Structures are given as C-alpha cells and as structure tokens.
N, C-alpha and C. Protein backbone atom coordinates (compact mmCIF):
# COMPACT_ATOMS: atom_id res chain seq x y z
N MET A 1 83.43 60.24 63.39
CA MET A 1 83.14 61.61 63.03
C MET A 1 83.05 62.45 64.31
N LYS A 2 83.71 63.60 64.31
CA LYS A 2 83.73 64.52 65.44
C LYS A 2 82.43 65.30 65.51
N LYS A 3 81.89 65.38 66.71
CA LYS A 3 80.68 66.19 66.88
C LYS A 3 81.07 67.64 67.14
N ALA A 4 80.27 68.53 66.63
CA ALA A 4 80.49 69.96 66.89
C ALA A 4 80.20 70.21 68.36
N PRO A 5 81.01 71.09 68.99
CA PRO A 5 80.75 71.38 70.40
C PRO A 5 79.37 72.00 70.57
N VAL A 6 78.73 71.64 71.64
CA VAL A 6 77.42 72.18 71.94
C VAL A 6 77.61 73.52 72.62
N LYS A 7 76.97 74.54 72.08
CA LYS A 7 77.06 75.88 72.67
C LYS A 7 75.95 76.01 73.70
N THR A 8 76.36 76.35 74.91
CA THR A 8 75.36 76.53 75.96
C THR A 8 75.08 78.01 76.14
N ASN A 9 73.87 78.30 76.52
CA ASN A 9 73.49 79.69 76.75
C ASN A 9 73.64 79.95 78.24
N SER A 10 74.72 80.62 78.61
CA SER A 10 74.99 80.87 80.03
C SER A 10 74.49 82.25 80.45
N THR A 11 73.59 82.81 79.67
CA THR A 11 73.07 84.12 80.03
C THR A 11 71.82 83.96 80.87
N LYS A 12 71.51 84.99 81.62
CA LYS A 12 70.25 85.01 82.37
C LYS A 12 69.61 86.37 82.16
N ARG A 13 68.35 86.43 82.45
CA ARG A 13 67.64 87.70 82.28
C ARG A 13 67.93 88.61 83.46
N ASN A 14 68.18 89.88 83.14
CA ASN A 14 68.38 90.87 84.19
C ASN A 14 67.01 91.27 84.70
N ALA A 15 66.82 91.12 86.00
CA ALA A 15 65.51 91.41 86.60
C ALA A 15 65.10 92.87 86.42
N ASN A 16 66.08 93.75 86.30
CA ASN A 16 65.79 95.18 86.20
C ASN A 16 65.32 95.57 84.81
N SER A 17 65.78 94.86 83.79
CA SER A 17 65.49 95.31 82.43
C SER A 17 64.85 94.24 81.55
N GLY A 18 64.90 93.01 81.97
CA GLY A 18 64.42 91.94 81.12
C GLY A 18 65.43 91.51 80.07
N LYS A 19 66.55 92.23 79.95
CA LYS A 19 67.59 91.88 78.99
C LYS A 19 68.37 90.68 79.51
N LYS A 20 68.89 89.89 78.59
CA LYS A 20 69.77 88.80 78.98
C LYS A 20 71.14 89.38 79.31
N THR A 21 71.73 88.89 80.38
CA THR A 21 73.07 89.34 80.76
C THR A 21 73.94 88.12 81.02
N ASP A 22 75.19 88.29 80.84
CA ASP A 22 76.17 87.24 81.03
C ASP A 22 76.62 87.26 82.49
N PRO A 23 76.51 86.14 83.19
CA PRO A 23 76.96 86.12 84.60
C PRO A 23 78.45 86.46 84.74
N LEU A 24 79.26 86.13 83.74
CA LEU A 24 80.68 86.48 83.81
C LEU A 24 80.88 87.98 83.74
N LEU A 25 80.06 88.65 82.93
CA LEU A 25 80.14 90.11 82.84
C LEU A 25 79.67 90.74 84.15
N GLU A 26 78.62 90.20 84.72
CA GLU A 26 78.15 90.70 86.01
C GLU A 26 79.22 90.51 87.09
N GLU A 27 79.88 89.38 87.08
CA GLU A 27 80.95 89.10 88.04
C GLU A 27 82.11 90.07 87.85
N PHE A 28 82.47 90.31 86.59
CA PHE A 28 83.54 91.26 86.29
C PHE A 28 83.17 92.66 86.78
N PHE A 29 81.93 93.07 86.50
CA PHE A 29 81.44 94.38 86.93
C PHE A 29 81.53 94.50 88.45
N HIS A 30 81.08 93.50 89.15
CA HIS A 30 81.12 93.51 90.61
C HIS A 30 82.56 93.60 91.10
N GLY A 31 83.47 92.87 90.47
CA GLY A 31 84.88 92.93 90.83
C GLY A 31 85.48 94.32 90.64
N GLU A 32 85.08 94.99 89.56
CA GLU A 32 85.57 96.34 89.31
C GLU A 32 85.00 97.34 90.32
N LEU A 33 83.77 97.12 90.76
CA LEU A 33 83.20 97.96 91.82
C LEU A 33 83.99 97.80 93.12
N LYS A 34 84.37 96.58 93.44
CA LYS A 34 85.18 96.33 94.64
C LYS A 34 86.52 97.05 94.54
N ASP A 35 87.09 97.02 93.34
CA ASP A 35 88.38 97.65 93.08
C ASP A 35 88.31 99.16 93.29
N ILE A 36 87.33 99.81 92.71
CA ILE A 36 87.24 101.27 92.83
C ILE A 36 86.80 101.67 94.24
N TYR A 37 86.05 100.80 94.90
CA TYR A 37 85.67 101.06 96.30
C TYR A 37 86.93 101.10 97.17
N TRP A 38 87.84 100.15 96.97
CA TRP A 38 89.12 100.16 97.69
C TRP A 38 89.88 101.44 97.37
N ALA A 39 89.90 101.81 96.10
CA ALA A 39 90.64 103.00 95.67
C ALA A 39 90.10 104.25 96.37
N GLU A 40 88.78 104.39 96.42
CA GLU A 40 88.20 105.57 97.07
C GLU A 40 88.54 105.58 98.56
N LYS A 41 88.44 104.43 99.21
CA LYS A 41 88.76 104.36 100.64
C LYS A 41 90.25 104.68 100.87
N HIS A 42 91.10 104.23 99.97
CA HIS A 42 92.54 104.51 100.07
C HIS A 42 92.82 106.00 99.89
N LEU A 43 92.10 106.63 98.98
CA LEU A 43 92.28 108.06 98.74
C LEU A 43 91.87 108.89 99.94
N VAL A 44 90.91 108.42 100.71
CA VAL A 44 90.52 109.12 101.92
C VAL A 44 91.71 109.23 102.88
N LYS A 45 92.59 108.25 102.84
CA LYS A 45 93.80 108.28 103.68
C LYS A 45 94.93 109.09 103.02
N THR A 46 94.94 109.14 101.71
CA THR A 46 96.04 109.77 100.96
C THR A 46 95.87 111.27 100.80
N LEU A 47 94.66 111.74 100.56
CA LEU A 47 94.43 113.16 100.30
C LEU A 47 94.89 114.09 101.43
N PRO A 48 94.71 113.74 102.71
CA PRO A 48 95.23 114.62 103.76
C PRO A 48 96.75 114.80 103.68
N LYS A 49 97.47 113.76 103.27
CA LYS A 49 98.93 113.86 103.11
C LYS A 49 99.28 114.80 101.96
N MET A 50 98.48 114.73 100.90
CA MET A 50 98.73 115.62 99.76
C MET A 50 98.44 117.07 100.15
N LYS A 51 97.37 117.28 100.91
CA LYS A 51 97.04 118.62 101.37
C LYS A 51 98.17 119.17 102.24
N LYS A 52 98.65 118.36 103.16
CA LYS A 52 99.72 118.79 104.06
C LYS A 52 100.99 119.15 103.30
N ALA A 53 101.27 118.41 102.23
CA ALA A 53 102.49 118.65 101.46
C ALA A 53 102.38 119.82 100.49
N ALA A 54 101.17 120.23 100.17
CA ALA A 54 100.97 121.32 99.20
C ALA A 54 101.43 122.65 99.78
N THR A 55 101.84 123.54 98.89
CA THR A 55 102.34 124.85 99.27
C THR A 55 101.26 125.93 99.17
N THR A 56 100.59 126.00 98.03
CA THR A 56 99.63 127.08 97.82
C THR A 56 98.30 126.79 98.52
N ALA A 57 97.69 127.85 98.99
CA ALA A 57 96.40 127.72 99.67
C ALA A 57 95.34 127.14 98.73
N GLU A 58 95.40 127.54 97.47
CA GLU A 58 94.42 127.06 96.48
C GLU A 58 94.50 125.54 96.30
N LEU A 59 95.71 125.01 96.24
CA LEU A 59 95.88 123.57 96.07
C LEU A 59 95.50 122.83 97.36
N LYS A 60 95.88 123.38 98.50
CA LYS A 60 95.48 122.78 99.77
C LYS A 60 93.96 122.68 99.85
N GLN A 61 93.27 123.76 99.45
CA GLN A 61 91.80 123.77 99.49
C GLN A 61 91.22 122.75 98.52
N ALA A 62 91.82 122.63 97.35
CA ALA A 62 91.34 121.66 96.35
C ALA A 62 91.43 120.24 96.90
N PHE A 63 92.54 119.92 97.56
CA PHE A 63 92.68 118.59 98.15
C PHE A 63 91.70 118.38 99.29
N GLU A 64 91.50 119.41 100.11
CA GLU A 64 90.55 119.30 101.21
C GLU A 64 89.13 119.10 100.69
N ASP A 65 88.74 119.87 99.68
CA ASP A 65 87.41 119.73 99.10
C ASP A 65 87.23 118.35 98.47
N HIS A 66 88.27 117.88 97.80
CA HIS A 66 88.15 116.59 97.14
C HIS A 66 88.10 115.44 98.15
N LEU A 67 88.68 115.65 99.31
CA LEU A 67 88.57 114.64 100.37
C LEU A 67 87.11 114.44 100.75
N ALA A 68 86.38 115.52 100.94
CA ALA A 68 84.95 115.42 101.27
C ALA A 68 84.19 114.73 100.13
N THR A 69 84.52 115.09 98.90
CA THR A 69 83.87 114.48 97.74
C THR A 69 84.20 112.99 97.65
N THR A 70 85.44 112.64 97.93
CA THR A 70 85.86 111.24 97.87
C THR A 70 85.13 110.40 98.91
N LYS A 71 84.92 110.97 100.08
CA LYS A 71 84.13 110.26 101.10
C LYS A 71 82.71 110.01 100.59
N GLU A 72 82.15 111.00 99.90
CA GLU A 72 80.82 110.84 99.29
C GLU A 72 80.84 109.74 98.22
N HIS A 73 81.94 109.65 97.47
CA HIS A 73 82.05 108.63 96.43
C HIS A 73 82.00 107.24 97.06
N ALA A 74 82.68 107.06 98.18
CA ALA A 74 82.66 105.76 98.86
C ALA A 74 81.24 105.42 99.32
N VAL A 75 80.55 106.41 99.87
CA VAL A 75 79.17 106.19 100.31
C VAL A 75 78.28 105.86 99.10
N ARG A 76 78.51 106.55 98.01
CA ARG A 76 77.73 106.31 96.79
C ARG A 76 77.97 104.90 96.27
N LEU A 77 79.21 104.43 96.36
CA LEU A 77 79.50 103.05 95.94
C LEU A 77 78.80 102.06 96.85
N GLU A 78 78.70 102.37 98.12
CA GLU A 78 77.96 101.50 99.04
C GLU A 78 76.50 101.42 98.61
N LYS A 79 75.96 102.53 98.12
CA LYS A 79 74.59 102.55 97.60
C LYS A 79 74.49 101.64 96.37
N VAL A 80 75.49 101.71 95.50
CA VAL A 80 75.51 100.86 94.30
C VAL A 80 75.52 99.39 94.69
N PHE A 81 76.37 99.04 95.65
CA PHE A 81 76.39 97.65 96.11
C PHE A 81 74.99 97.24 96.59
N GLY A 82 74.34 98.13 97.33
CA GLY A 82 73.00 97.85 97.83
C GLY A 82 72.00 97.66 96.70
N LEU A 83 72.07 98.51 95.68
CA LEU A 83 71.17 98.37 94.53
C LEU A 83 71.35 97.02 93.84
N LEU A 84 72.57 96.52 93.90
CA LEU A 84 72.87 95.23 93.27
C LEU A 84 72.61 94.05 94.20
N GLY A 85 72.18 94.36 95.43
CA GLY A 85 71.94 93.29 96.40
C GLY A 85 73.22 92.67 96.92
N LYS A 86 74.28 93.45 96.90
CA LYS A 86 75.60 92.96 97.35
C LYS A 86 76.05 93.73 98.58
N LYS A 87 76.87 93.08 99.37
CA LYS A 87 77.49 93.73 100.52
C LYS A 87 78.68 94.56 100.02
N PRO A 88 78.83 95.80 100.50
CA PRO A 88 80.01 96.58 100.09
C PRO A 88 81.29 95.86 100.50
N GLN A 89 82.15 95.68 99.54
CA GLN A 89 83.39 94.96 99.79
C GLN A 89 84.49 95.57 98.93
N ALA A 90 85.65 95.75 99.53
CA ALA A 90 86.79 96.32 98.81
C ALA A 90 87.75 95.22 98.39
N LYS A 91 88.34 95.40 97.21
CA LYS A 91 89.40 94.53 96.71
C LYS A 91 90.57 95.43 96.36
N LYS A 92 91.73 95.12 96.88
CA LYS A 92 92.89 95.99 96.68
C LYS A 92 93.06 96.35 95.21
N CYS A 93 93.18 97.64 94.97
CA CYS A 93 93.37 98.18 93.63
C CYS A 93 94.87 98.44 93.45
N GLU A 94 95.51 97.55 92.74
CA GLU A 94 96.96 97.66 92.53
C GLU A 94 97.32 98.95 91.78
N ALA A 95 96.48 99.32 90.83
CA ALA A 95 96.75 100.53 90.04
C ALA A 95 96.75 101.77 90.94
N MET A 96 95.72 101.91 91.77
CA MET A 96 95.65 103.08 92.64
C MET A 96 96.77 103.07 93.67
N GLU A 97 97.11 101.89 94.16
CA GLU A 97 98.22 101.82 95.10
C GLU A 97 99.50 102.32 94.44
N GLY A 98 99.72 101.93 93.21
CA GLY A 98 100.92 102.38 92.49
C GLY A 98 100.91 103.87 92.24
N ILE A 99 99.77 104.40 91.84
CA ILE A 99 99.67 105.84 91.57
C ILE A 99 99.91 106.64 92.85
N THR A 100 99.35 106.19 93.97
CA THR A 100 99.53 106.94 95.22
C THR A 100 100.95 106.79 95.76
N LYS A 101 101.58 105.65 95.52
CA LYS A 101 103.00 105.50 95.92
C LYS A 101 103.87 106.47 95.12
N GLU A 102 103.54 106.63 93.85
CA GLU A 102 104.27 107.58 93.02
C GLU A 102 104.09 109.00 93.57
N GLY A 103 102.88 109.31 94.00
CA GLY A 103 102.62 110.62 94.61
C GLY A 103 103.44 110.83 95.87
N ALA A 104 103.56 109.79 96.68
CA ALA A 104 104.36 109.87 97.90
C ALA A 104 105.84 110.11 97.56
N SER A 105 106.31 109.50 96.50
CA SER A 105 107.71 109.70 96.11
C SER A 105 107.93 111.12 95.59
N ILE A 106 106.92 111.72 95.00
CA ILE A 106 107.03 113.12 94.56
C ILE A 106 107.25 114.01 95.78
N ILE A 107 106.51 113.73 96.83
CA ILE A 107 106.66 114.51 98.07
C ILE A 107 108.08 114.35 98.61
N GLU A 108 108.58 113.13 98.61
CA GLU A 108 109.94 112.87 99.11
C GLU A 108 111.01 113.52 98.24
N ASP A 109 110.77 113.56 96.94
CA ASP A 109 111.79 114.01 95.99
C ASP A 109 111.78 115.51 95.71
N THR A 110 110.82 116.24 96.27
CA THR A 110 110.75 117.67 96.02
C THR A 110 110.90 118.43 97.33
N GLU A 111 111.32 119.66 97.21
CA GLU A 111 111.56 120.50 98.39
C GLU A 111 110.25 121.06 98.92
N ALA A 112 110.08 120.96 100.24
CA ALA A 112 108.89 121.50 100.89
C ALA A 112 108.79 123.00 100.64
N GLY A 113 107.57 123.50 100.48
CA GLY A 113 107.35 124.93 100.32
C GLY A 113 107.63 125.47 98.93
N THR A 114 107.81 124.60 97.96
CA THR A 114 108.12 125.06 96.60
C THR A 114 106.93 124.83 95.66
N ALA A 115 106.88 125.67 94.65
CA ALA A 115 105.87 125.50 93.61
C ALA A 115 106.15 124.23 92.80
N THR A 116 107.41 123.84 92.74
CA THR A 116 107.76 122.60 92.02
C THR A 116 107.08 121.40 92.68
N ARG A 117 107.05 121.39 94.01
CA ARG A 117 106.34 120.31 94.70
C ARG A 117 104.85 120.35 94.32
N ASP A 118 104.27 121.55 94.27
CA ASP A 118 102.86 121.65 93.90
C ASP A 118 102.61 121.16 92.47
N VAL A 119 103.54 121.45 91.57
CA VAL A 119 103.42 120.93 90.20
C VAL A 119 103.36 119.40 90.24
N GLY A 120 104.26 118.81 91.02
CA GLY A 120 104.29 117.35 91.15
C GLY A 120 103.02 116.80 91.78
N LEU A 121 102.51 117.50 92.80
CA LEU A 121 101.28 117.06 93.45
C LEU A 121 100.08 117.15 92.51
N ILE A 122 100.04 118.20 91.70
CA ILE A 122 98.97 118.34 90.71
C ILE A 122 99.04 117.20 89.71
N LEU A 123 100.25 116.91 89.24
CA LEU A 123 100.42 115.81 88.29
C LEU A 123 99.97 114.49 88.92
N ALA A 124 100.36 114.25 90.16
CA ALA A 124 99.95 113.03 90.85
C ALA A 124 98.43 112.99 91.02
N GLY A 125 97.85 114.12 91.39
CA GLY A 125 96.41 114.20 91.54
C GLY A 125 95.67 113.94 90.24
N GLN A 126 96.22 114.44 89.16
CA GLN A 126 95.57 114.22 87.86
C GLN A 126 95.69 112.77 87.41
N LYS A 127 96.78 112.12 87.77
CA LYS A 127 96.89 110.69 87.45
C LYS A 127 95.80 109.91 88.17
N VAL A 128 95.55 110.28 89.42
CA VAL A 128 94.47 109.66 90.18
C VAL A 128 93.13 109.93 89.48
N GLU A 129 92.89 111.18 89.14
CA GLU A 129 91.62 111.54 88.51
C GLU A 129 91.43 110.82 87.19
N HIS A 130 92.47 110.72 86.39
CA HIS A 130 92.34 110.07 85.09
C HIS A 130 92.04 108.58 85.25
N TYR A 131 92.65 107.96 86.25
CA TYR A 131 92.33 106.56 86.53
C TYR A 131 90.86 106.43 86.93
N GLU A 132 90.42 107.32 87.80
CA GLU A 132 89.03 107.26 88.25
C GLU A 132 88.05 107.57 87.11
N ILE A 133 88.39 108.53 86.28
CA ILE A 133 87.53 108.88 85.15
C ILE A 133 87.38 107.68 84.21
N SER A 134 88.49 107.02 83.91
CA SER A 134 88.40 105.87 83.01
C SER A 134 87.63 104.73 83.66
N THR A 135 87.83 104.52 84.96
CA THR A 135 87.12 103.45 85.65
C THR A 135 85.63 103.73 85.72
N TYR A 136 85.27 104.92 86.19
CA TYR A 136 83.85 105.24 86.29
C TYR A 136 83.18 105.30 84.92
N GLY A 137 83.88 105.79 83.92
CA GLY A 137 83.32 105.80 82.57
C GLY A 137 83.01 104.39 82.09
N GLY A 138 83.93 103.48 82.32
CA GLY A 138 83.70 102.08 81.95
C GLY A 138 82.58 101.46 82.75
N LEU A 139 82.52 101.76 84.05
CA LEU A 139 81.47 101.19 84.90
C LEU A 139 80.08 101.70 84.51
N VAL A 140 80.00 102.97 84.15
CA VAL A 140 78.71 103.52 83.70
C VAL A 140 78.23 102.74 82.48
N GLN A 141 79.12 102.53 81.51
CA GLN A 141 78.74 101.82 80.30
C GLN A 141 78.38 100.36 80.59
N LEU A 142 79.13 99.72 81.47
CA LEU A 142 78.81 98.33 81.83
C LEU A 142 77.46 98.25 82.53
N ALA A 143 77.19 99.18 83.42
CA ALA A 143 75.89 99.19 84.11
C ALA A 143 74.76 99.31 83.08
N LYS A 144 74.93 100.17 82.11
CA LYS A 144 73.91 100.31 81.06
C LYS A 144 73.77 99.01 80.27
N THR A 145 74.90 98.40 79.93
CA THR A 145 74.88 97.14 79.18
C THR A 145 74.16 96.05 79.96
N LEU A 146 74.34 96.06 81.27
CA LEU A 146 73.70 95.07 82.13
C LEU A 146 72.24 95.42 82.46
N GLY A 147 71.77 96.52 81.89
CA GLY A 147 70.39 96.92 82.10
C GLY A 147 70.14 97.58 83.43
N ARG A 148 71.18 98.14 84.02
CA ARG A 148 71.07 98.76 85.35
C ARG A 148 71.20 100.26 85.24
N ALA A 149 70.16 100.89 84.68
CA ALA A 149 70.14 102.34 84.53
C ALA A 149 70.23 103.02 85.90
N ASP A 150 69.66 102.40 86.92
CA ASP A 150 69.71 102.97 88.28
C ASP A 150 71.15 103.08 88.77
N VAL A 151 71.91 102.04 88.55
CA VAL A 151 73.32 102.01 88.95
C VAL A 151 74.13 102.97 88.07
N ALA A 152 73.86 102.96 86.77
CA ALA A 152 74.58 103.85 85.84
C ALA A 152 74.40 105.30 86.24
N SER A 153 73.22 105.66 86.67
CA SER A 153 72.94 107.05 87.07
C SER A 153 73.77 107.45 88.29
N VAL A 154 73.86 106.58 89.25
CA VAL A 154 74.65 106.87 90.46
C VAL A 154 76.13 107.00 90.10
N LEU A 155 76.62 106.08 89.29
CA LEU A 155 78.03 106.12 88.90
C LEU A 155 78.34 107.32 88.01
N ALA A 156 77.38 107.74 87.18
CA ALA A 156 77.59 108.89 86.30
C ALA A 156 77.77 110.17 87.11
N GLU A 157 77.11 110.26 88.24
CA GLU A 157 77.28 111.44 89.10
C GLU A 157 78.73 111.53 89.60
N THR A 158 79.27 110.40 90.00
CA THR A 158 80.66 110.37 90.45
C THR A 158 81.60 110.68 89.29
N LEU A 159 81.33 110.13 88.13
CA LEU A 159 82.15 110.41 86.94
C LEU A 159 82.21 111.90 86.67
N ARG A 160 81.06 112.57 86.74
CA ARG A 160 81.02 114.02 86.52
C ARG A 160 81.90 114.76 87.53
N GLU A 161 81.83 114.36 88.79
CA GLU A 161 82.63 115.02 89.83
C GLU A 161 84.13 114.77 89.64
N GLU A 162 84.49 113.59 89.18
CA GLU A 162 85.91 113.31 88.94
C GLU A 162 86.43 114.18 87.80
N LYS A 163 85.63 114.38 86.78
CA LYS A 163 86.03 115.25 85.67
C LYS A 163 86.19 116.69 86.15
N GLU A 164 85.29 117.13 87.03
CA GLU A 164 85.39 118.48 87.59
C GLU A 164 86.67 118.64 88.41
N ALA A 165 87.02 117.64 89.18
CA ALA A 165 88.25 117.70 89.98
C ALA A 165 89.48 117.80 89.08
N ASP A 166 89.48 117.05 88.00
CA ASP A 166 90.58 117.11 87.05
C ASP A 166 90.70 118.50 86.44
N GLN A 167 89.57 119.08 86.07
CA GLN A 167 89.57 120.44 85.49
C GLN A 167 90.08 121.47 86.49
N LEU A 168 89.70 121.31 87.75
CA LEU A 168 90.17 122.24 88.78
C LEU A 168 91.69 122.17 88.92
N LEU A 169 92.23 120.96 88.94
CA LEU A 169 93.69 120.82 89.03
C LEU A 169 94.38 121.43 87.81
N THR A 170 93.81 121.25 86.65
CA THR A 170 94.36 121.86 85.43
C THR A 170 94.36 123.38 85.56
N SER A 171 93.28 123.92 86.05
CA SER A 171 93.16 125.37 86.21
C SER A 171 94.20 125.91 87.19
N ILE A 172 94.37 125.23 88.31
CA ILE A 172 95.37 125.67 89.30
C ILE A 172 96.76 125.65 88.68
N ALA A 173 97.07 124.61 87.93
CA ALA A 173 98.39 124.51 87.28
C ALA A 173 98.57 125.61 86.25
N GLU A 174 97.59 125.78 85.38
CA GLU A 174 97.73 126.73 84.26
C GLU A 174 97.71 128.18 84.71
N ASN A 175 96.95 128.47 85.74
CA ASN A 175 96.78 129.86 86.15
C ASN A 175 97.75 130.34 87.22
N ASN A 176 98.55 129.44 87.76
CA ASN A 176 99.36 129.87 88.87
C ASN A 176 100.63 129.03 89.05
N VAL A 177 100.46 127.82 89.47
CA VAL A 177 101.55 127.00 89.99
C VAL A 177 102.65 126.76 88.98
N ASN A 178 102.30 126.42 87.75
CA ASN A 178 103.35 126.13 86.76
C ASN A 178 104.25 127.34 86.52
N TYR A 179 103.67 128.54 86.51
CA TYR A 179 104.46 129.75 86.30
C TYR A 179 105.37 130.03 87.49
N GLU A 180 104.84 129.84 88.69
CA GLU A 180 105.65 130.02 89.89
C GLU A 180 106.83 129.05 89.90
N ALA A 181 106.57 127.82 89.51
CA ALA A 181 107.65 126.81 89.50
C ALA A 181 108.72 127.14 88.47
N SER A 182 108.31 127.72 87.35
CA SER A 182 109.29 128.03 86.30
C SER A 182 110.22 129.18 86.74
N ALA A 183 109.80 129.95 87.74
CA ALA A 183 110.61 131.07 88.22
C ALA A 183 111.47 130.70 89.43
N GLU A 184 111.34 129.49 89.92
CA GLU A 184 112.12 129.10 91.12
C GLU A 184 113.58 128.85 90.75
C-alpha cells in the first residue's frame, strides 16, 4: 500500500508581523528587489542619453528631473535592503535592458531635432515607467503579504512617483509633441 506524501510546513514566522511566511516567497521578493535595483541603476546611465537626444525643452527637463528621482529610488531601495537585513545587491534586469535598448534604437532611427524623435522618446520613457509601475505595484503587495508594512510604505512612495512620471510624459505628448510631430 502506498503511503500518502507527508506535507511539511516550510513556513516561518515573520519577525515583523508574527505572520507565517514562505521562505520561497521571501527569496522571490528579494530577487525582484535585486532586479529593480539593477534597473534603477541602469536608468541613471540611460536618462542622460535620453535628455541629450530630446528636442523640446520640456522633455529635456522631464528627463533631467526624473534622473534625480531615479537616483533617489536607488537610495530608497538600499534602505529597503537594510530594513530586510540584506546587503544592497543588483541582479541584471533583462526586461529593463531590452526596453532601454529599444529606446536607443529609437534615437538611432529618428532624425535629431524632430518632434518625431521626441514622440519616440516619450513612448520609450513610458515603457520604462509602465515596467516600473508594475514591478513596484507587485513589490508593495508582496511586502504587505510578507508582513512588512515598513518596506511596503517605502516602495509605495516610489510607486507613486513612477505614476507621476508616466502622467507627465503623457501630458507632454498630448499637449505638445504629438501635434508637432504630425505637422512635420
């Protein structure tokens, strides 16, 4: 007669909340933090190139402002690692690398000084923002699930700022750049 498999309880109590948490989920969460940390550090190198390639002063300023915010996001992630008792560590984010490579090809494929290039840069910037919004949104929820309201609060601040950046890019496109490009 076959014995039923024994189910083991591989959960442990979260010291912050007393809730039981799955070590695999904690490991996954930590891996995703490493991933977005790499992405933020990579964007610090990418945003100056986007600013340089932009045509309109408004878009250049948006990229410059977001560079400062992105640097803050990296520092904030370092705080999150500290709250978790982990050393800040980056893991290459293949998704962000692909999105930024696509942005670089937009620069190569469009004419300098045109609104069409700015349309492409806005689209590339929004792809970055949407990736970050989905990542931070998921991380906030995972932090809550793991009983880490302290971490969720820090990540939620970044999520709010990413949404604001996306809205700003939408506004620039809708109020100016898209119309200029349609007249070129």
